[in-house]
Amino acid sequence: MVNRQGKEFVLYAGLLDQAHREGLKRITTSLIQAPSDNNGHLAICHAEVETEKGVFSGIGDASPENVGRMIAPHTIRMAETRAKARALRDAINVGVTALEELGDVEEDSSIHAPARRPAVRPMAALAQPIPTPVRPEPSIVRETAEAGDDMSPPATQQQIDRLHKLQAALGQAAMVSSTMTSEEAAARIAELVRQFNTQSRQAARTQAR
């Protein structure tokens, strides 16, 4: 996963790596429309991905209007990458948009990382970005407690769903307290993400040996 301007995206390289882990059998692509003066130099590609779960397909398009300046001469390649990314996202159940699908990426991000982006973190099998827990200042907590107000609303259904997904990914029982607050849920999510990332790095090192 990579964070860009406050939003999280998945990289094509991460999708491909995860697909191999889940039994990728083949990727087949075909050019549906070649770019020309008559169609605004729009390239359209179709991709088909086969895994142990079945066959998944995706369509990708690219033209000088929806790619970066440096990749504009290579619209067929970008259209193929986008088609494969969409098919791979369906195959491994990732709802987060791939960075390569954005219209302002200046380079082929499956090979080069975009400029000025933060460090990439391991991709969790989640369809939504994980929120960063926000803790109130101690003085605010004290004032709120003294006033008798509820300093944090209950955990949202979205947070509960994310906790269940993370617990399942870590092999833990799906348990969420009915009295858990939104702040407590955010902190717990952050902790489980750290555990998942640590587990992923350990597994990667084991496979590399």
N, C-alpha and C. Protein backbone atom coordinates (compact mmCIF):
# COMPACT_ATOMS: atom_id res chain seq x y z
N MET A 1 0.84 -1.18 0.00
CA MET A 1 0.00 0.00 0.00
C MET A 1 0.88 1.24 0.00
N VAL A 2 0.36 2.33 -0.57
CA VAL A 2 1.08 3.59 -0.58
C VAL A 2 0.08 4.70 -0.34
N ASN A 3 0.50 5.70 0.46
CA ASN A 3 -0.37 6.83 0.77
C ASN A 3 0.01 7.99 -0.12
N ARG A 4 -0.99 8.57 -0.78
CA ARG A 4 -0.74 9.71 -1.67
C ARG A 4 -1.80 10.77 -1.44
N GLN A 5 -1.36 11.91 -0.94
CA GLN A 5 -2.25 13.03 -0.67
C GLN A 5 -3.40 12.63 0.26
N GLY A 6 -3.07 11.83 1.26
CA GLY A 6 -4.05 11.45 2.26
C GLY A 6 -4.92 10.26 1.89
N LYS A 7 -4.74 9.69 0.71
CA LYS A 7 -5.52 8.53 0.29
C LYS A 7 -4.59 7.36 0.04
N GLU A 8 -5.09 6.15 0.28
CA GLU A 8 -4.26 4.97 0.12
C GLU A 8 -4.57 4.25 -1.19
N PHE A 9 -3.52 3.79 -1.84
CA PHE A 9 -3.62 3.06 -3.09
C PHE A 9 -2.74 1.82 -3.00
N VAL A 10 -3.06 0.85 -3.81
CA VAL A 10 -2.24 -0.35 -3.88
C VAL A 10 -1.38 -0.28 -5.14
N LEU A 11 -0.18 -0.82 -5.08
CA LEU A 11 0.70 -0.84 -6.23
C LEU A 11 0.49 -2.12 -7.05
N TYR A 12 0.67 -2.02 -8.35
CA TYR A 12 0.52 -3.19 -9.22
C TYR A 12 1.48 -4.30 -8.77
N ALA A 13 2.70 -3.91 -8.39
CA ALA A 13 3.69 -4.91 -7.95
C ALA A 13 3.18 -5.68 -6.75
N GLY A 14 2.47 -5.00 -5.84
CA GLY A 14 1.92 -5.67 -4.67
C GLY A 14 0.79 -6.62 -5.03
N LEU A 15 -0.06 -6.18 -5.99
CA LEU A 15 -1.15 -7.04 -6.45
C LEU A 15 -0.60 -8.32 -7.07
N LEU A 16 0.41 -8.18 -7.90
CA LEU A 16 0.99 -9.34 -8.58
C LEU A 16 1.63 -10.29 -7.57
N ASP A 17 2.35 -9.73 -6.59
CA ASP A 17 2.99 -10.56 -5.58
C ASP A 17 1.95 -11.33 -4.77
N GLN A 18 0.87 -10.65 -4.37
CA GLN A 18 -0.16 -11.32 -3.59
C GLN A 18 -0.87 -12.39 -4.40
N ALA A 19 -1.08 -12.12 -5.70
CA ALA A 19 -1.73 -13.11 -6.57
C ALA A 19 -0.89 -14.38 -6.67
N HIS A 20 0.43 -14.23 -6.76
CA HIS A 20 1.31 -15.41 -6.79
C HIS A 20 1.19 -16.20 -5.49
N ARG A 21 1.04 -15.49 -4.38
CA ARG A 21 0.90 -16.16 -3.09
C ARG A 21 -0.41 -16.93 -3.02
N GLU A 22 -1.42 -16.47 -3.76
CA GLU A 22 -2.74 -17.09 -3.71
C GLU A 22 -2.98 -18.05 -4.88
N GLY A 23 -1.91 -18.46 -5.55
CA GLY A 23 -2.05 -19.49 -6.58
C GLY A 23 -2.32 -18.97 -7.97
N LEU A 24 -1.65 -17.89 -8.37
CA LEU A 24 -1.82 -17.36 -9.73
C LEU A 24 -1.38 -18.40 -10.75
N LYS A 25 -2.24 -18.66 -11.75
CA LYS A 25 -1.93 -19.65 -12.78
C LYS A 25 -1.51 -18.99 -14.09
N ARG A 26 -2.22 -17.93 -14.47
CA ARG A 26 -1.86 -17.27 -15.73
C ARG A 26 -2.46 -15.87 -15.78
N ILE A 27 -1.83 -15.03 -16.62
CA ILE A 27 -2.37 -13.70 -16.97
C ILE A 27 -2.31 -13.60 -18.49
N THR A 28 -3.45 -13.36 -19.09
CA THR A 28 -3.52 -13.23 -20.54
C THR A 28 -4.06 -11.84 -20.89
N THR A 29 -3.40 -11.16 -21.82
CA THR A 29 -3.86 -9.83 -22.22
C THR A 29 -4.06 -9.78 -23.73
N SER A 30 -4.94 -8.88 -24.16
CA SER A 30 -5.16 -8.67 -25.59
C SER A 30 -5.46 -7.19 -25.84
N LEU A 31 -5.01 -6.70 -26.98
CA LEU A 31 -5.25 -5.31 -27.35
C LEU A 31 -6.59 -5.21 -28.08
N ILE A 32 -7.54 -4.51 -27.46
CA ILE A 32 -8.86 -4.36 -28.06
C ILE A 32 -8.88 -3.21 -29.06
N GLN A 33 -8.20 -2.12 -28.74
CA GLN A 33 -8.15 -0.97 -29.64
C GLN A 33 -6.76 -0.37 -29.62
N ALA A 34 -6.14 -0.26 -30.79
CA ALA A 34 -4.84 0.37 -30.91
C ALA A 34 -5.00 1.88 -31.01
N PRO A 35 -4.14 2.66 -30.40
CA PRO A 35 -4.26 4.12 -30.47
C PRO A 35 -3.97 4.63 -31.88
N SER A 36 -4.76 5.62 -32.30
CA SER A 36 -4.56 6.22 -33.62
C SER A 36 -5.11 7.64 -33.60
N ASP A 37 -4.89 8.38 -34.68
CA ASP A 37 -5.40 9.74 -34.78
C ASP A 37 -6.92 9.75 -34.76
N ASN A 38 -7.54 8.68 -35.28
CA ASN A 38 -9.00 8.64 -35.39
C ASN A 38 -9.71 8.43 -34.05
N ASN A 39 -9.01 7.86 -33.06
CA ASN A 39 -9.67 7.60 -31.77
C ASN A 39 -9.03 8.36 -30.62
N GLY A 40 -8.32 9.44 -30.96
CA GLY A 40 -7.70 10.25 -29.91
C GLY A 40 -6.54 9.56 -29.24
N HIS A 41 -5.92 8.62 -29.93
CA HIS A 41 -4.77 7.87 -29.41
C HIS A 41 -5.13 7.13 -28.12
N LEU A 42 -6.35 6.57 -28.11
CA LEU A 42 -6.84 5.83 -26.95
C LEU A 42 -6.55 4.34 -27.14
N ALA A 43 -5.77 3.77 -26.25
CA ALA A 43 -5.47 2.34 -26.26
C ALA A 43 -6.37 1.63 -25.24
N ILE A 44 -6.95 0.50 -25.63
CA ILE A 44 -7.81 -0.27 -24.73
C ILE A 44 -7.33 -1.71 -24.72
N CYS A 45 -7.11 -2.24 -23.54
CA CYS A 45 -6.64 -3.62 -23.39
C CYS A 45 -7.57 -4.41 -22.48
N HIS A 46 -7.60 -5.72 -22.73
CA HIS A 46 -8.37 -6.64 -21.89
C HIS A 46 -7.40 -7.60 -21.24
N ALA A 47 -7.62 -7.87 -19.95
CA ALA A 47 -6.76 -8.81 -19.22
C ALA A 47 -7.62 -9.88 -18.56
N GLU A 48 -7.07 -11.07 -18.53
CA GLU A 48 -7.76 -12.20 -17.88
C GLU A 48 -6.78 -12.87 -16.93
N VAL A 49 -7.20 -13.01 -15.69
CA VAL A 49 -6.35 -13.60 -14.64
C VAL A 49 -7.01 -14.88 -14.14
N GLU A 50 -6.22 -15.94 -14.07
CA GLU A 50 -6.74 -17.20 -13.54
C GLU A 50 -5.98 -17.58 -12.28
N THR A 51 -6.71 -17.83 -11.21
CA THR A 51 -6.14 -18.30 -9.96
C THR A 51 -6.87 -19.57 -9.55
N GLU A 52 -6.55 -20.06 -8.37
CA GLU A 52 -7.22 -21.26 -7.88
C GLU A 52 -8.69 -20.99 -7.58
N LYS A 53 -9.05 -19.69 -7.45
CA LYS A 53 -10.44 -19.34 -7.17
C LYS A 53 -11.30 -19.25 -8.43
N GLY A 54 -10.65 -19.10 -9.60
CA GLY A 54 -11.40 -18.98 -10.84
C GLY A 54 -10.74 -18.02 -11.81
N VAL A 55 -11.55 -17.52 -12.77
CA VAL A 55 -11.04 -16.62 -13.81
C VAL A 55 -11.66 -15.24 -13.61
N PHE A 56 -10.83 -14.20 -13.68
CA PHE A 56 -11.27 -12.82 -13.47
C PHE A 56 -10.72 -11.96 -14.61
N SER A 57 -11.50 -10.96 -15.01
CA SER A 57 -11.09 -10.14 -16.14
C SER A 57 -11.19 -8.66 -15.80
N GLY A 58 -10.51 -7.85 -16.60
CA GLY A 58 -10.55 -6.41 -16.40
C GLY A 58 -10.23 -5.70 -17.71
N ILE A 59 -10.73 -4.47 -17.83
CA ILE A 59 -10.47 -3.62 -18.99
C ILE A 59 -9.67 -2.41 -18.55
N GLY A 60 -8.66 -2.05 -19.33
CA GLY A 60 -7.86 -0.86 -19.03
C GLY A 60 -7.72 0.01 -20.26
N ASP A 61 -7.77 1.32 -20.07
CA ASP A 61 -7.59 2.24 -21.18
C ASP A 61 -6.53 3.28 -20.83
N ALA A 62 -5.92 3.84 -21.84
CA ALA A 62 -4.91 4.88 -21.63
C ALA A 62 -4.83 5.75 -22.88
N SER A 63 -4.73 7.03 -22.64
CA SER A 63 -4.57 8.00 -23.73
C SER A 63 -3.73 9.15 -23.21
N PRO A 64 -3.23 10.03 -24.08
CA PRO A 64 -2.45 11.16 -23.60
C PRO A 64 -3.20 12.03 -22.59
N GLU A 65 -4.54 11.95 -22.59
CA GLU A 65 -5.33 12.76 -21.67
C GLU A 65 -5.42 12.17 -20.26
N ASN A 66 -5.20 10.86 -20.10
CA ASN A 66 -5.36 10.28 -18.77
C ASN A 66 -4.11 9.58 -18.25
N VAL A 67 -2.93 9.95 -18.80
CA VAL A 67 -1.66 9.45 -18.28
C VAL A 67 -0.72 10.62 -18.11
N GLY A 68 0.37 10.40 -17.40
CA GLY A 68 1.37 11.43 -17.21
C GLY A 68 2.13 11.73 -18.49
N ARG A 69 2.80 12.85 -18.48
CA ARG A 69 3.52 13.30 -19.67
C ARG A 69 4.58 12.30 -20.13
N MET A 70 5.31 11.72 -19.17
CA MET A 70 6.40 10.82 -19.54
C MET A 70 5.92 9.49 -20.09
N ILE A 71 4.70 9.08 -19.71
CA ILE A 71 4.20 7.78 -20.17
C ILE A 71 3.30 7.93 -21.39
N ALA A 72 2.99 9.16 -21.80
CA ALA A 72 2.09 9.39 -22.93
C ALA A 72 2.49 8.65 -24.21
N PRO A 73 3.79 8.51 -24.52
CA PRO A 73 4.15 7.76 -25.74
C PRO A 73 3.95 6.25 -25.61
N HIS A 74 3.58 5.77 -24.43
CA HIS A 74 3.49 4.33 -24.19
C HIS A 74 2.10 3.96 -23.66
N THR A 75 1.07 4.44 -24.34
CA THR A 75 -0.29 4.22 -23.85
C THR A 75 -0.71 2.75 -23.89
N ILE A 76 -0.21 1.98 -24.83
CA ILE A 76 -0.58 0.56 -24.90
C ILE A 76 -0.08 -0.16 -23.66
N ARG A 77 1.16 0.11 -23.28
CA ARG A 77 1.73 -0.53 -22.10
C ARG A 77 0.94 -0.15 -20.84
N MET A 78 0.58 1.13 -20.70
CA MET A 78 -0.16 1.56 -19.53
C MET A 78 -1.57 0.97 -19.52
N ALA A 79 -2.21 0.89 -20.69
CA ALA A 79 -3.54 0.29 -20.76
C ALA A 79 -3.49 -1.17 -20.33
N GLU A 80 -2.44 -1.87 -20.74
CA GLU A 80 -2.30 -3.27 -20.35
C GLU A 80 -2.09 -3.39 -18.84
N THR A 81 -1.23 -2.52 -18.27
CA THR A 81 -0.99 -2.55 -16.82
C THR A 81 -2.27 -2.28 -16.05
N ARG A 82 -3.06 -1.32 -16.51
CA ARG A 82 -4.31 -1.00 -15.83
C ARG A 82 -5.30 -2.16 -15.92
N ALA A 83 -5.36 -2.79 -17.06
CA ALA A 83 -6.28 -3.93 -17.23
C ALA A 83 -5.87 -5.07 -16.29
N LYS A 84 -4.59 -5.35 -16.23
CA LYS A 84 -4.12 -6.43 -15.35
C LYS A 84 -4.36 -6.08 -13.88
N ALA A 85 -4.14 -4.81 -13.54
CA ALA A 85 -4.34 -4.39 -12.15
C ALA A 85 -5.80 -4.59 -11.74
N ARG A 86 -6.74 -4.25 -12.61
CA ARG A 86 -8.16 -4.39 -12.28
C ARG A 86 -8.56 -5.86 -12.17
N ALA A 87 -8.02 -6.68 -13.05
CA ALA A 87 -8.32 -8.11 -12.98
C ALA A 87 -7.72 -8.73 -11.72
N LEU A 88 -6.51 -8.32 -11.38
CA LEU A 88 -5.85 -8.84 -10.19
C LEU A 88 -6.58 -8.40 -8.92
N ARG A 89 -7.09 -7.17 -8.91
CA ARG A 89 -7.81 -6.69 -7.73
C ARG A 89 -9.05 -7.54 -7.47
N ASP A 90 -9.76 -7.89 -8.54
CA ASP A 90 -10.93 -8.76 -8.39
C ASP A 90 -10.52 -10.17 -7.94
N ALA A 91 -9.40 -10.64 -8.48
CA ALA A 91 -8.97 -12.00 -8.19
C ALA A 91 -8.59 -12.19 -6.72
N ILE A 92 -7.98 -11.16 -6.11
CA ILE A 92 -7.53 -11.32 -4.71
C ILE A 92 -8.37 -10.48 -3.76
N ASN A 93 -9.51 -9.97 -4.25
CA ASN A 93 -10.49 -9.28 -3.40
C ASN A 93 -9.91 -8.03 -2.74
N VAL A 94 -9.36 -7.14 -3.56
CA VAL A 94 -8.84 -5.87 -3.07
C VAL A 94 -9.67 -4.74 -3.70
N GLY A 95 -10.35 -3.97 -2.86
CA GLY A 95 -11.20 -2.90 -3.37
C GLY A 95 -10.50 -1.57 -3.51
N VAL A 96 -9.25 -1.47 -3.05
CA VAL A 96 -8.51 -0.21 -3.13
C VAL A 96 -8.00 0.01 -4.56
N THR A 97 -8.16 1.21 -5.07
CA THR A 97 -7.71 1.53 -6.43
C THR A 97 -6.20 1.40 -6.55
N ALA A 98 -5.74 0.88 -7.68
CA ALA A 98 -4.30 0.77 -7.94
C ALA A 98 -3.74 2.14 -8.33
N LEU A 99 -2.54 2.44 -7.89
CA LEU A 99 -1.91 3.72 -8.20
C LEU A 99 -1.79 3.91 -9.71
N GLU A 100 -1.54 2.82 -10.43
CA GLU A 100 -1.37 2.90 -11.88
C GLU A 100 -2.65 3.33 -12.60
N GLU A 101 -3.80 3.25 -11.92
CA GLU A 101 -5.06 3.64 -12.54
C GLU A 101 -5.28 5.15 -12.51
N LEU A 102 -4.44 5.87 -11.75
CA LEU A 102 -4.58 7.32 -11.68
C LEU A 102 -4.13 7.96 -12.98
N GLY A 103 -4.68 9.12 -13.28
CA GLY A 103 -4.36 9.78 -14.55
C GLY A 103 -3.14 10.65 -14.52
N ASP A 104 -2.55 10.89 -13.30
CA ASP A 104 -1.43 11.82 -13.24
C ASP A 104 -0.12 11.16 -12.85
N VAL A 105 -0.05 9.82 -12.97
CA VAL A 105 1.19 9.12 -12.66
C VAL A 105 2.18 9.36 -13.78
N GLU A 106 3.35 9.87 -13.45
CA GLU A 106 4.32 10.26 -14.48
C GLU A 106 5.15 9.10 -15.00
N GLU A 107 5.24 8.02 -14.23
CA GLU A 107 6.04 6.89 -14.66
C GLU A 107 5.25 5.61 -14.48
N ASP A 108 5.74 4.55 -15.08
CA ASP A 108 5.14 3.23 -14.90
C ASP A 108 5.47 2.78 -13.48
N SER A 109 4.51 2.90 -12.56
CA SER A 109 4.78 2.68 -11.15
C SER A 109 5.00 1.22 -10.80
N SER A 110 4.71 0.31 -11.72
CA SER A 110 5.00 -1.09 -11.45
C SER A 110 6.51 -1.35 -11.49
N ILE A 111 7.27 -0.38 -12.05
CA ILE A 111 8.72 -0.51 -12.12
C ILE A 111 9.40 0.53 -11.25
N HIS A 112 8.91 1.78 -11.29
CA HIS A 112 9.50 2.87 -10.52
C HIS A 112 8.47 3.44 -9.57
N ALA A 113 8.90 3.75 -8.36
CA ALA A 113 8.00 4.36 -7.39
C ALA A 113 7.80 5.82 -7.74
N PRO A 114 6.60 6.41 -7.52
CA PRO A 114 6.37 7.81 -7.83
C PRO A 114 7.20 8.71 -6.94
N ALA A 115 7.54 9.87 -7.44
CA ALA A 115 8.39 10.79 -6.71
C ALA A 115 7.66 11.32 -5.48
N ARG A 116 8.45 11.52 -4.40
CA ARG A 116 7.98 12.17 -3.18
C ARG A 116 6.87 11.42 -2.46
N ARG A 117 6.75 10.12 -2.67
CA ARG A 117 5.73 9.39 -1.94
C ARG A 117 6.33 8.85 -0.64
N PRO A 118 5.51 8.66 0.41
CA PRO A 118 6.01 8.07 1.65
C PRO A 118 6.41 6.62 1.44
N ALA A 119 7.05 6.05 2.45
CA ALA A 119 7.50 4.66 2.35
C ALA A 119 6.30 3.73 2.18
N VAL A 120 6.50 2.71 1.35
CA VAL A 120 5.45 1.73 1.09
C VAL A 120 5.35 0.79 2.28
N ARG A 121 4.13 0.45 2.70
CA ARG A 121 3.95 -0.54 3.75
C ARG A 121 3.34 -1.79 3.14
N PRO A 122 3.51 -2.97 3.77
CA PRO A 122 2.95 -4.21 3.23
C PRO A 122 1.46 -4.10 3.02
N MET A 123 0.96 -4.75 1.96
CA MET A 123 -0.46 -4.68 1.63
C MET A 123 -1.24 -5.68 2.45
N ALA A 124 -2.17 -5.20 3.25
CA ALA A 124 -3.08 -6.07 3.97
C ALA A 124 -4.26 -6.38 3.06
N ALA A 125 -4.89 -7.52 3.29
CA ALA A 125 -6.01 -7.92 2.43
C ALA A 125 -7.28 -7.24 2.89
N LEU A 126 -7.28 -5.92 2.79
CA LEU A 126 -8.42 -5.11 3.21
C LEU A 126 -8.85 -4.22 2.08
N ALA A 127 -10.15 -3.99 1.98
CA ALA A 127 -10.68 -3.18 0.89
C ALA A 127 -10.73 -1.71 1.21
N GLN A 128 -10.46 -1.31 2.44
CA GLN A 128 -10.56 0.07 2.84
C GLN A 128 -9.28 0.49 3.54
N PRO A 129 -8.85 1.76 3.43
CA PRO A 129 -7.68 2.23 4.14
C PRO A 129 -7.92 2.24 5.65
N ILE A 130 -6.84 2.05 6.42
CA ILE A 130 -6.95 2.00 7.87
C ILE A 130 -6.80 3.41 8.44
N PRO A 131 -7.73 3.90 9.27
CA PRO A 131 -7.64 5.25 9.80
C PRO A 131 -6.57 5.35 10.86
N THR A 132 -5.96 6.52 11.00
CA THR A 132 -4.97 6.77 12.03
C THR A 132 -5.68 7.21 13.29
N PRO A 133 -5.48 6.55 14.42
CA PRO A 133 -6.18 6.93 15.64
C PRO A 133 -5.80 8.32 16.09
N VAL A 134 -6.77 9.09 16.50
CA VAL A 134 -6.55 10.45 16.96
C VAL A 134 -6.88 10.50 18.44
N ARG A 135 -5.91 10.84 19.26
CA ARG A 135 -6.12 10.87 20.69
C ARG A 135 -6.28 12.31 21.16
N PRO A 136 -7.29 12.63 21.96
CA PRO A 136 -7.47 13.98 22.46
C PRO A 136 -6.39 14.35 23.46
N GLU A 137 -6.13 15.63 23.64
CA GLU A 137 -5.18 16.11 24.62
C GLU A 137 -5.65 15.70 26.02
N PRO A 138 -4.70 15.42 26.95
CA PRO A 138 -5.08 15.02 28.30
C PRO A 138 -6.02 16.01 28.98
N SER A 139 -5.76 17.31 28.77
CA SER A 139 -6.60 18.32 29.40
C SER A 139 -8.03 18.24 28.90
N ILE A 140 -8.19 17.95 27.62
CA ILE A 140 -9.53 17.84 27.04
C ILE A 140 -10.23 16.62 27.61
N VAL A 141 -9.47 15.51 27.78
CA VAL A 141 -10.07 14.31 28.34
C VAL A 141 -10.58 14.57 29.74
N ARG A 142 -9.76 15.27 30.56
CA ARG A 142 -10.17 15.55 31.93
C ARG A 142 -11.41 16.42 31.98
N GLU A 143 -11.41 17.46 31.13
CA GLU A 143 -12.54 18.37 31.12
C GLU A 143 -13.81 17.65 30.69
N THR A 144 -13.69 16.79 29.70
CA THR A 144 -14.85 16.06 29.21
C THR A 144 -15.37 15.09 30.27
N ALA A 145 -14.43 14.40 30.94
CA ALA A 145 -14.83 13.45 31.96
C ALA A 145 -15.53 14.15 33.11
N GLU A 146 -14.99 15.34 33.49
CA GLU A 146 -15.60 16.08 34.57
C GLU A 146 -16.99 16.55 34.21
N ALA A 147 -17.18 16.87 32.93
CA ALA A 147 -18.48 17.34 32.50
C ALA A 147 -19.48 16.20 32.36
N GLY A 148 -18.98 14.96 32.44
CA GLY A 148 -19.87 13.81 32.36
C GLY A 148 -20.27 13.46 30.94
N ASP A 149 -19.57 13.98 29.93
CA ASP A 149 -19.91 13.69 28.55
C ASP A 149 -19.18 12.44 28.08
N ASP A 150 -19.71 11.79 27.09
CA ASP A 150 -19.05 10.64 26.46
C ASP A 150 -17.95 11.17 25.56
N MET A 151 -16.68 10.91 25.90
CA MET A 151 -15.58 11.53 25.16
C MET A 151 -15.36 10.88 23.81
N SER A 152 -15.94 9.73 23.54
CA SER A 152 -15.78 9.08 22.25
C SER A 152 -17.04 8.31 21.91
N PRO A 153 -17.54 8.43 20.68
CA PRO A 153 -18.73 7.68 20.28
C PRO A 153 -18.42 6.20 20.15
N PRO A 154 -19.44 5.36 20.06
CA PRO A 154 -19.20 3.92 19.91
C PRO A 154 -18.47 3.61 18.60
N ALA A 155 -17.83 2.47 18.56
CA ALA A 155 -17.14 2.02 17.34
C ALA A 155 -18.15 1.91 16.19
N THR A 156 -17.73 2.35 15.01
CA THR A 156 -18.62 2.28 13.85
C THR A 156 -18.64 0.86 13.29
N GLN A 157 -19.65 0.57 12.47
CA GLN A 157 -19.73 -0.74 11.85
C GLN A 157 -18.54 -0.98 10.93
N GLN A 158 -18.06 0.09 10.28
CA GLN A 158 -16.90 -0.04 9.40
C GLN A 158 -15.66 -0.44 10.21
N GLN A 159 -15.48 0.16 11.39
CA GLN A 159 -14.35 -0.21 12.24
C GLN A 159 -14.47 -1.67 12.71
N ILE A 160 -15.69 -2.07 13.08
CA ILE A 160 -15.90 -3.44 13.53
C ILE A 160 -15.59 -4.43 12.41
N ASP A 161 -16.01 -4.10 11.17
CA ASP A 161 -15.73 -4.98 10.03
C ASP A 161 -14.23 -5.10 9.80
N ARG A 162 -13.51 -3.97 9.93
CA ARG A 162 -12.06 -4.00 9.73
C ARG A 162 -11.38 -4.84 10.80
N LEU A 163 -11.84 -4.71 12.04
CA LEU A 163 -11.27 -5.50 13.12
C LEU A 163 -11.47 -6.99 12.86
N HIS A 164 -12.67 -7.37 12.41
CA HIS A 164 -12.94 -8.78 12.12
C HIS A 164 -12.03 -9.29 11.01
N LYS A 165 -11.82 -8.47 9.95
CA LYS A 165 -10.95 -8.88 8.84
C LYS A 165 -9.51 -9.05 9.31
N LEU A 166 -9.03 -8.11 10.11
CA LEU A 166 -7.66 -8.20 10.60
C LEU A 166 -7.48 -9.40 11.53
N GLN A 167 -8.47 -9.62 12.40
CA GLN A 167 -8.38 -10.77 13.30
C GLN A 167 -8.37 -12.08 12.53
N ALA A 168 -9.17 -12.16 11.47
CA ALA A 168 -9.19 -13.36 10.63
C ALA A 168 -7.85 -13.55 9.93
N ALA A 169 -7.27 -12.45 9.43
CA ALA A 169 -5.98 -12.52 8.73
C ALA A 169 -4.87 -12.98 9.66
N LEU A 170 -4.99 -12.66 10.94
CA LEU A 170 -3.98 -13.03 11.93
C LEU A 170 -4.29 -14.35 12.62
N GLY A 171 -5.40 -14.97 12.25
CA GLY A 171 -5.77 -16.23 12.85
C GLY A 171 -6.33 -16.10 14.26
N GLN A 172 -6.86 -14.92 14.57
CA GLN A 172 -7.43 -14.67 15.89
C GLN A 172 -8.94 -14.81 15.83
N ALA A 173 -9.54 -15.04 17.01
CA ALA A 173 -11.00 -15.12 17.09
C ALA A 173 -11.60 -13.75 16.82
N ALA A 174 -12.71 -13.72 16.08
CA ALA A 174 -13.36 -12.45 15.75
C ALA A 174 -14.16 -11.98 16.96
N MET A 175 -13.51 -11.18 17.79
CA MET A 175 -14.15 -10.69 19.02
C MET A 175 -14.00 -9.19 19.13
N VAL A 176 -15.11 -8.47 19.27
CA VAL A 176 -15.11 -7.03 19.45
C VAL A 176 -16.11 -6.70 20.55
N SER A 177 -15.64 -6.01 21.57
CA SER A 177 -16.51 -5.67 22.70
C SER A 177 -17.64 -4.76 22.27
N SER A 178 -18.83 -5.03 22.79
CA SER A 178 -20.00 -4.20 22.45
C SER A 178 -19.89 -2.80 23.03
N THR A 179 -19.00 -2.61 24.01
CA THR A 179 -18.84 -1.29 24.62
C THR A 179 -17.63 -0.54 24.08
N MET A 180 -16.96 -1.07 23.06
CA MET A 180 -15.77 -0.44 22.51
C MET A 180 -16.11 0.90 21.87
N THR A 181 -15.30 1.91 22.17
CA THR A 181 -15.51 3.23 21.58
C THR A 181 -14.80 3.35 20.24
N SER A 182 -15.10 4.40 19.51
CA SER A 182 -14.46 4.62 18.21
C SER A 182 -12.96 4.80 18.36
N GLU A 183 -12.55 5.52 19.41
CA GLU A 183 -11.12 5.74 19.64
C GLU A 183 -10.41 4.43 19.98
N GLU A 184 -11.04 3.62 20.83
CA GLU A 184 -10.45 2.33 21.19
C GLU A 184 -10.35 1.42 19.97
N ALA A 185 -11.36 1.46 19.12
CA ALA A 185 -11.35 0.64 17.91
C ALA A 185 -10.22 1.07 16.98
N ALA A 186 -10.03 2.39 16.83
CA ALA A 186 -8.96 2.90 15.96
C ALA A 186 -7.59 2.47 16.47
N ALA A 187 -7.41 2.53 17.80
CA ALA A 187 -6.13 2.12 18.38
C ALA A 187 -5.91 0.62 18.20
N ARG A 188 -6.97 -0.17 18.36
CA ARG A 188 -6.86 -1.62 18.19
C ARG A 188 -6.55 -1.98 16.74
N ILE A 189 -7.19 -1.27 15.80
CA ILE A 189 -6.92 -1.50 14.38
C ILE A 189 -5.46 -1.23 14.08
N ALA A 190 -4.94 -0.11 14.59
CA ALA A 190 -3.54 0.24 14.34
C ALA A 190 -2.61 -0.83 14.89
N GLU A 191 -2.93 -1.38 16.07
CA GLU A 191 -2.10 -2.42 16.66
C GLU A 191 -2.14 -3.71 15.82
N LEU A 192 -3.32 -4.09 15.34
CA LEU A 192 -3.44 -5.30 14.53
C LEU A 192 -2.73 -5.14 13.19
N VAL A 193 -2.77 -3.93 12.63
CA VAL A 193 -2.05 -3.68 11.38
C VAL A 193 -0.56 -3.86 11.59
N ARG A 194 -0.04 -3.35 12.73
CA ARG A 194 1.38 -3.54 13.02
C ARG A 194 1.72 -5.03 13.15
N GLN A 195 0.84 -5.78 13.79
CA GLN A 195 1.07 -7.23 13.92
C GLN A 195 1.06 -7.90 12.54
N PHE A 196 0.12 -7.49 11.69
CA PHE A 196 0.03 -8.09 10.35
C PHE A 196 1.28 -7.78 9.54
N ASN A 197 1.74 -6.53 9.61
CA ASN A 197 2.94 -6.15 8.85
C ASN A 197 4.17 -6.91 9.34
N THR A 198 4.28 -7.07 10.65
CA THR A 198 5.41 -7.83 11.21
C THR A 198 5.35 -9.28 10.74
N GLN A 199 4.16 -9.85 10.76
CA GLN A 199 3.97 -11.23 10.31
C GLN A 199 4.31 -11.37 8.82
N SER A 200 3.91 -10.39 8.02
CA SER A 200 4.18 -10.43 6.58
C SER A 200 5.68 -10.36 6.30
N ARG A 201 6.38 -9.48 7.04
CA ARG A 201 7.83 -9.36 6.84
C ARG A 201 8.55 -10.64 7.25
N GLN A 202 8.11 -11.25 8.35
CA GLN A 202 8.73 -12.51 8.79
C GLN A 202 8.50 -13.62 7.76
N ALA A 203 7.29 -13.66 7.19
CA ALA A 203 6.99 -14.68 6.19
C ALA A 203 7.82 -14.48 4.93
N ALA A 204 8.01 -13.19 4.56
CA ALA A 204 8.80 -12.89 3.36
C ALA A 204 10.25 -13.31 3.56
N ARG A 205 10.80 -13.05 4.78
CA ARG A 205 12.17 -13.46 5.05
C ARG A 205 12.33 -14.97 5.05
N THR A 206 11.32 -15.68 5.55
CA THR A 206 11.36 -17.14 5.57
C THR A 206 11.36 -17.71 4.16
N GLN A 207 10.52 -17.13 3.29
CA GLN A 207 10.46 -17.60 1.90
C GLN A 207 11.76 -17.30 1.15
N ALA A 208 12.44 -16.22 1.53
CA ALA A 208 13.67 -15.83 0.82
C ALA A 208 14.83 -16.75 1.14
N ARG A 209 14.73 -17.50 2.26
CA ARG A 209 15.85 -18.36 2.66
C ARG A 209 15.95 -19.62 1.83
